[in-house]
N, C-alpha and C. Protein backbone atom coordinates (compact mmCIF):
# COMPACT_ATOMS: atom_id res chain seq x y z
N UNK A 1 -44.07 6.75 -51.99
CA UNK A 1 -43.63 5.78 -52.97
C UNK A 1 -44.52 4.54 -52.91
N UNK A 2 -44.54 3.83 -54.00
CA UNK A 2 -45.25 2.55 -54.09
C UNK A 2 -44.23 1.46 -53.78
N UNK A 3 -44.52 0.62 -52.78
CA UNK A 3 -43.56 -0.39 -52.34
C UNK A 3 -44.19 -1.77 -52.44
N UNK A 4 -43.48 -2.70 -53.07
CA UNK A 4 -43.90 -4.10 -53.19
C UNK A 4 -43.04 -4.91 -52.23
N UNK A 5 -43.70 -5.75 -51.43
CA UNK A 5 -42.97 -6.49 -50.40
C UNK A 5 -43.41 -7.95 -50.37
N UNK A 6 -42.44 -8.85 -50.32
CA UNK A 6 -42.72 -10.24 -50.01
C UNK A 6 -42.35 -10.44 -48.55
N UNK A 7 -43.04 -11.34 -47.89
CA UNK A 7 -42.77 -11.55 -46.47
C UNK A 7 -43.32 -10.45 -45.59
N UNK A 8 -44.24 -9.68 -46.11
CA UNK A 8 -44.78 -8.54 -45.38
C UNK A 8 -45.74 -8.90 -44.26
N UNK A 9 -46.14 -10.17 -44.17
CA UNK A 9 -47.03 -10.58 -43.09
C UNK A 9 -46.26 -11.23 -41.95
N UNK A 10 -44.96 -11.33 -42.08
CA UNK A 10 -44.13 -11.92 -41.04
C UNK A 10 -43.78 -10.92 -39.95
N UNK A 11 -42.93 -11.35 -39.04
CA UNK A 11 -42.55 -10.54 -37.88
C UNK A 11 -41.95 -9.20 -38.28
N UNK A 12 -40.91 -9.21 -39.10
CA UNK A 12 -40.25 -7.98 -39.53
C UNK A 12 -41.12 -7.20 -40.50
N UNK A 13 -41.74 -7.91 -41.45
CA UNK A 13 -42.55 -7.26 -42.48
C UNK A 13 -43.72 -6.47 -41.94
N UNK A 14 -44.36 -6.98 -40.89
CA UNK A 14 -45.49 -6.28 -40.28
C UNK A 14 -45.06 -4.92 -39.73
N UNK A 15 -43.97 -4.91 -39.02
CA UNK A 15 -43.48 -3.65 -38.46
C UNK A 15 -42.96 -2.70 -39.53
N UNK A 16 -42.29 -3.26 -40.54
CA UNK A 16 -41.79 -2.42 -41.62
C UNK A 16 -42.95 -1.80 -42.41
N UNK A 17 -43.99 -2.58 -42.69
CA UNK A 17 -45.15 -2.05 -43.41
C UNK A 17 -45.79 -0.90 -42.63
N UNK A 18 -45.96 -1.06 -41.32
CA UNK A 18 -46.52 0.02 -40.50
C UNK A 18 -45.67 1.28 -40.59
N UNK A 19 -44.37 1.11 -40.53
CA UNK A 19 -43.46 2.25 -40.59
C UNK A 19 -43.52 2.96 -41.94
N UNK A 20 -43.51 2.17 -43.01
CA UNK A 20 -43.57 2.75 -44.34
C UNK A 20 -44.87 3.52 -44.56
N UNK A 21 -45.97 2.98 -44.08
CA UNK A 21 -47.26 3.66 -44.20
C UNK A 21 -47.27 4.94 -43.38
N UNK A 22 -46.68 4.90 -42.18
CA UNK A 22 -46.64 6.11 -41.35
C UNK A 22 -45.83 7.22 -42.01
N UNK A 23 -44.94 6.86 -42.93
CA UNK A 23 -44.15 7.84 -43.65
C UNK A 23 -44.79 8.25 -44.98
N UNK A 24 -46.02 7.78 -45.22
CA UNK A 24 -46.76 8.22 -46.40
C UNK A 24 -46.68 7.32 -47.62
N UNK A 25 -46.10 6.15 -47.50
CA UNK A 25 -45.97 5.23 -48.63
C UNK A 25 -47.18 4.30 -48.69
N UNK A 26 -47.40 3.70 -49.87
CA UNK A 26 -48.39 2.63 -49.99
C UNK A 26 -47.63 1.33 -50.21
N UNK A 27 -48.19 0.23 -49.70
CA UNK A 27 -47.49 -1.05 -49.69
C UNK A 27 -48.36 -2.13 -50.31
N UNK A 28 -47.79 -2.91 -51.22
CA UNK A 28 -48.42 -4.12 -51.76
C UNK A 28 -47.64 -5.30 -51.20
N UNK A 29 -48.35 -6.24 -50.59
CA UNK A 29 -47.69 -7.38 -49.95
C UNK A 29 -48.10 -8.66 -50.65
N UNK A 30 -47.10 -9.43 -51.09
CA UNK A 30 -47.34 -10.75 -51.67
C UNK A 30 -47.36 -11.75 -50.53
N UNK A 31 -48.45 -12.51 -50.44
CA UNK A 31 -48.57 -13.53 -49.40
C UNK A 31 -49.17 -14.79 -50.02
N UNK A 32 -48.84 -15.94 -49.46
CA UNK A 32 -49.37 -17.19 -49.99
C UNK A 32 -50.81 -17.43 -49.57
N UNK A 33 -51.22 -16.84 -48.45
CA UNK A 33 -52.60 -16.99 -47.98
C UNK A 33 -52.90 -15.91 -46.95
N UNK A 34 -54.16 -15.54 -46.86
CA UNK A 34 -54.59 -14.60 -45.83
C UNK A 34 -55.22 -15.42 -44.71
N UNK A 35 -54.82 -15.12 -43.47
CA UNK A 35 -55.35 -15.89 -42.35
C UNK A 35 -56.15 -15.05 -41.36
N UNK A 36 -56.38 -13.78 -41.69
CA UNK A 36 -57.18 -12.93 -40.84
C UNK A 36 -56.40 -12.10 -39.84
N UNK A 37 -55.10 -12.35 -39.72
CA UNK A 37 -54.29 -11.59 -38.76
C UNK A 37 -53.50 -10.47 -39.43
N UNK A 38 -53.73 -10.26 -40.72
CA UNK A 38 -52.99 -9.24 -41.45
C UNK A 38 -53.40 -7.85 -40.98
N UNK A 39 -52.52 -6.90 -41.23
CA UNK A 39 -52.84 -5.50 -40.93
C UNK A 39 -54.03 -5.06 -41.76
N UNK A 40 -54.95 -4.39 -41.15
CA UNK A 40 -56.14 -3.89 -41.86
C UNK A 40 -55.96 -2.39 -42.05
N UNK A 41 -55.26 -2.01 -43.10
CA UNK A 41 -55.00 -0.61 -43.38
C UNK A 41 -55.30 -0.35 -44.84
N UNK A 42 -55.91 0.79 -45.14
CA UNK A 42 -56.28 1.09 -46.53
C UNK A 42 -55.07 1.28 -47.43
N UNK A 43 -53.90 1.56 -46.84
CA UNK A 43 -52.70 1.77 -47.64
C UNK A 43 -52.01 0.46 -48.03
N UNK A 44 -52.56 -0.68 -47.61
CA UNK A 44 -51.95 -1.98 -47.91
C UNK A 44 -52.86 -2.76 -48.85
N UNK A 45 -52.25 -3.32 -49.90
CA UNK A 45 -52.93 -4.23 -50.81
C UNK A 45 -52.27 -5.59 -50.66
N UNK A 46 -53.07 -6.64 -50.51
CA UNK A 46 -52.53 -7.99 -50.41
C UNK A 46 -52.74 -8.72 -51.73
N UNK A 47 -51.68 -9.36 -52.21
CA UNK A 47 -51.73 -10.16 -53.42
C UNK A 47 -51.45 -11.61 -53.03
N UNK A 48 -52.29 -12.52 -53.49
CA UNK A 48 -52.10 -13.93 -53.18
C UNK A 48 -51.22 -14.55 -54.26
N UNK A 49 -50.16 -15.23 -53.85
CA UNK A 49 -49.28 -15.88 -54.80
C UNK A 49 -48.08 -16.49 -54.10
N UNK A 50 -47.39 -17.31 -54.82
CA UNK A 50 -46.18 -17.97 -54.31
C UNK A 50 -44.99 -17.31 -55.00
N UNK A 51 -44.05 -16.74 -54.23
CA UNK A 51 -42.93 -16.04 -54.87
C UNK A 51 -42.00 -16.94 -55.67
N UNK A 52 -42.12 -18.26 -55.52
CA UNK A 52 -41.26 -19.17 -56.27
C UNK A 52 -41.94 -19.71 -57.53
N UNK A 53 -43.19 -19.26 -57.77
CA UNK A 53 -43.94 -19.72 -58.95
C UNK A 53 -44.43 -18.50 -59.73
N UNK A 54 -44.22 -18.52 -61.04
CA UNK A 54 -44.70 -17.43 -61.88
C UNK A 54 -46.20 -17.29 -61.73
N UNK A 55 -46.68 -16.04 -61.76
CA UNK A 55 -48.11 -15.81 -61.63
C UNK A 55 -48.48 -14.37 -61.93
N UNK A 56 -49.77 -14.07 -61.82
CA UNK A 56 -50.26 -12.72 -62.10
C UNK A 56 -49.68 -11.69 -61.14
N UNK A 57 -49.23 -12.13 -59.97
CA UNK A 57 -48.67 -11.20 -58.99
C UNK A 57 -47.44 -10.49 -59.56
N UNK A 58 -46.75 -11.10 -60.50
CA UNK A 58 -45.54 -10.50 -61.06
C UNK A 58 -45.86 -9.23 -61.85
N UNK A 59 -47.07 -9.14 -62.39
CA UNK A 59 -47.47 -7.94 -63.13
C UNK A 59 -47.53 -6.72 -62.22
N UNK A 60 -47.83 -6.93 -60.94
CA UNK A 60 -47.94 -5.82 -59.99
C UNK A 60 -46.59 -5.19 -59.69
N UNK A 61 -45.52 -5.88 -59.93
CA UNK A 61 -44.18 -5.36 -59.63
C UNK A 61 -43.90 -4.10 -60.43
N UNK A 62 -44.35 -4.06 -61.66
CA UNK A 62 -44.07 -2.92 -62.55
C UNK A 62 -44.57 -1.59 -62.00
N UNK A 63 -45.60 -1.63 -61.19
CA UNK A 63 -46.22 -0.40 -60.69
C UNK A 63 -45.56 0.14 -59.42
N UNK A 64 -44.44 -0.43 -59.01
CA UNK A 64 -43.81 -0.06 -57.74
C UNK A 64 -42.46 0.59 -57.94
N UNK A 65 -42.11 1.45 -56.98
CA UNK A 65 -40.82 2.13 -57.01
C UNK A 65 -39.74 1.32 -56.30
N UNK A 66 -40.14 0.53 -55.31
CA UNK A 66 -39.20 -0.24 -54.48
C UNK A 66 -39.73 -1.65 -54.31
N UNK A 67 -38.84 -2.64 -54.34
CA UNK A 67 -39.19 -4.03 -54.08
C UNK A 67 -38.37 -4.50 -52.88
N UNK A 68 -39.06 -5.04 -51.88
CA UNK A 68 -38.38 -5.53 -50.68
C UNK A 68 -38.73 -7.00 -50.52
N UNK A 69 -37.72 -7.86 -50.45
CA UNK A 69 -37.92 -9.29 -50.26
C UNK A 69 -37.59 -9.68 -48.83
N UNK A 70 -38.61 -9.99 -48.05
CA UNK A 70 -38.42 -10.49 -46.70
C UNK A 70 -38.87 -11.94 -46.58
N UNK A 71 -39.30 -12.53 -47.69
CA UNK A 71 -39.81 -13.90 -47.67
C UNK A 71 -38.68 -14.87 -47.40
N UNK A 72 -38.98 -15.86 -46.64
CA UNK A 72 -38.00 -16.89 -46.36
C UNK A 72 -38.53 -17.85 -45.32
N UNK A 73 -37.75 -18.86 -45.06
CA UNK A 73 -38.12 -19.84 -44.05
C UNK A 73 -37.88 -19.26 -42.67
N UNK A 74 -38.69 -19.69 -41.74
CA UNK A 74 -38.51 -19.24 -40.36
C UNK A 74 -37.19 -19.74 -39.81
N UNK A 75 -36.50 -18.89 -39.08
CA UNK A 75 -35.25 -19.32 -38.45
C UNK A 75 -35.49 -19.88 -37.06
N UNK A 76 -36.75 -19.86 -36.62
CA UNK A 76 -37.10 -20.33 -35.29
C UNK A 76 -37.49 -21.80 -35.30
N UNK A 77 -36.61 -22.64 -35.82
CA UNK A 77 -36.82 -24.09 -35.86
C UNK A 77 -35.44 -24.75 -35.88
N UNK A 78 -35.44 -26.07 -35.74
CA UNK A 78 -34.18 -26.82 -35.75
C UNK A 78 -33.54 -26.74 -37.14
N UNK A 79 -32.27 -26.39 -37.18
CA UNK A 79 -31.55 -26.27 -38.44
C UNK A 79 -30.97 -27.62 -38.82
N UNK A 80 -31.35 -28.10 -39.98
CA UNK A 80 -30.78 -29.31 -40.54
C UNK A 80 -30.09 -28.94 -41.84
N UNK A 81 -29.35 -29.86 -42.39
CA UNK A 81 -28.70 -29.60 -43.67
C UNK A 81 -29.74 -29.23 -44.74
N UNK A 82 -30.87 -29.94 -44.75
CA UNK A 82 -31.92 -29.67 -45.73
C UNK A 82 -32.54 -28.29 -45.51
N UNK A 83 -32.79 -27.92 -44.25
CA UNK A 83 -33.41 -26.62 -44.00
C UNK A 83 -32.47 -25.48 -44.37
N UNK A 84 -31.18 -25.65 -44.16
CA UNK A 84 -30.20 -24.62 -44.54
C UNK A 84 -30.15 -24.48 -46.06
N UNK A 85 -30.15 -25.60 -46.78
CA UNK A 85 -30.16 -25.54 -48.24
C UNK A 85 -31.43 -24.87 -48.75
N UNK A 86 -32.56 -25.14 -48.09
CA UNK A 86 -33.82 -24.51 -48.48
C UNK A 86 -33.74 -23.00 -48.29
N UNK A 87 -33.20 -22.55 -47.15
CA UNK A 87 -33.09 -21.10 -46.89
C UNK A 87 -32.17 -20.43 -47.90
N UNK A 88 -31.09 -21.10 -48.26
CA UNK A 88 -30.17 -20.55 -49.25
C UNK A 88 -30.87 -20.43 -50.60
N UNK A 89 -31.65 -21.45 -50.97
CA UNK A 89 -32.35 -21.40 -52.27
C UNK A 89 -33.35 -20.26 -52.30
N UNK A 90 -34.02 -19.96 -51.18
CA UNK A 90 -34.96 -18.84 -51.15
C UNK A 90 -34.23 -17.51 -51.32
N UNK A 91 -33.07 -17.39 -50.72
CA UNK A 91 -32.36 -16.11 -50.81
C UNK A 91 -31.76 -15.88 -52.19
N UNK A 92 -31.60 -16.93 -52.98
CA UNK A 92 -31.04 -16.77 -54.32
C UNK A 92 -32.10 -16.46 -55.37
N UNK A 93 -33.37 -16.60 -55.01
CA UNK A 93 -34.46 -16.34 -55.96
C UNK A 93 -34.65 -14.84 -56.10
N UNK A 94 -34.32 -14.31 -57.25
CA UNK A 94 -34.39 -12.86 -57.47
C UNK A 94 -35.24 -12.58 -58.70
N UNK A 95 -36.14 -11.64 -58.58
CA UNK A 95 -36.96 -11.19 -59.70
C UNK A 95 -36.52 -9.77 -60.04
N UNK A 96 -35.88 -9.56 -61.17
CA UNK A 96 -35.46 -8.19 -61.49
C UNK A 96 -36.67 -7.30 -61.74
N UNK A 97 -36.64 -6.07 -61.24
CA UNK A 97 -37.77 -5.16 -61.49
C UNK A 97 -37.89 -4.83 -62.96
N UNK A 98 -39.13 -4.67 -63.43
CA UNK A 98 -39.37 -4.33 -64.84
C UNK A 98 -39.81 -2.89 -64.98
N UNK A 99 -39.57 -2.10 -63.97
CA UNK A 99 -39.98 -0.70 -64.00
C UNK A 99 -38.86 0.18 -64.51
N UNK A 100 -38.89 1.45 -64.13
CA UNK A 100 -37.84 2.37 -64.55
C UNK A 100 -36.48 1.94 -64.01
N UNK A 101 -35.45 2.42 -64.61
CA UNK A 101 -34.10 1.99 -64.23
C UNK A 101 -33.73 2.41 -62.82
N UNK A 102 -34.48 3.33 -62.21
CA UNK A 102 -34.15 3.75 -60.86
C UNK A 102 -34.92 2.96 -59.80
N UNK A 103 -35.57 1.84 -60.18
CA UNK A 103 -36.25 0.99 -59.21
C UNK A 103 -35.22 0.38 -58.26
N UNK A 104 -35.62 0.18 -57.04
CA UNK A 104 -34.74 -0.40 -56.03
C UNK A 104 -35.18 -1.81 -55.71
N UNK A 105 -34.22 -2.68 -55.37
CA UNK A 105 -34.48 -4.06 -55.01
C UNK A 105 -33.71 -4.36 -53.73
N UNK A 106 -34.41 -4.75 -52.68
CA UNK A 106 -33.79 -5.15 -51.42
C UNK A 106 -34.15 -6.59 -51.14
N UNK A 107 -33.19 -7.43 -50.81
CA UNK A 107 -33.46 -8.81 -50.43
C UNK A 107 -32.87 -9.05 -49.06
N UNK A 108 -33.72 -9.29 -48.09
CA UNK A 108 -33.28 -9.48 -46.71
C UNK A 108 -33.69 -10.85 -46.18
N UNK A 109 -34.02 -11.77 -47.07
CA UNK A 109 -34.48 -13.07 -46.60
C UNK A 109 -33.33 -13.91 -46.11
């Protein structure tokens, strides 16, 4: 299957991408920037973009069977009222798939 993932360069996303590839899937990962520590695998395509801003990356969603949202703020920091509100706002941001009606959407942020 073709899988589109946000947050694929994070702790959970890195391991999930490896697992999905080992099972024969291809993965497209939306990231805000490449820093050189990303997985170097031919089955992974990296798209540069911000998931909270409309952009060309949204066109790539149509070509995927599954969408997985792992993007979010790190939980490994001091929690303040503002940081909690920010995390809630990230989890409410949903992009409906524009593919076939059997497309799947997972949000784990």
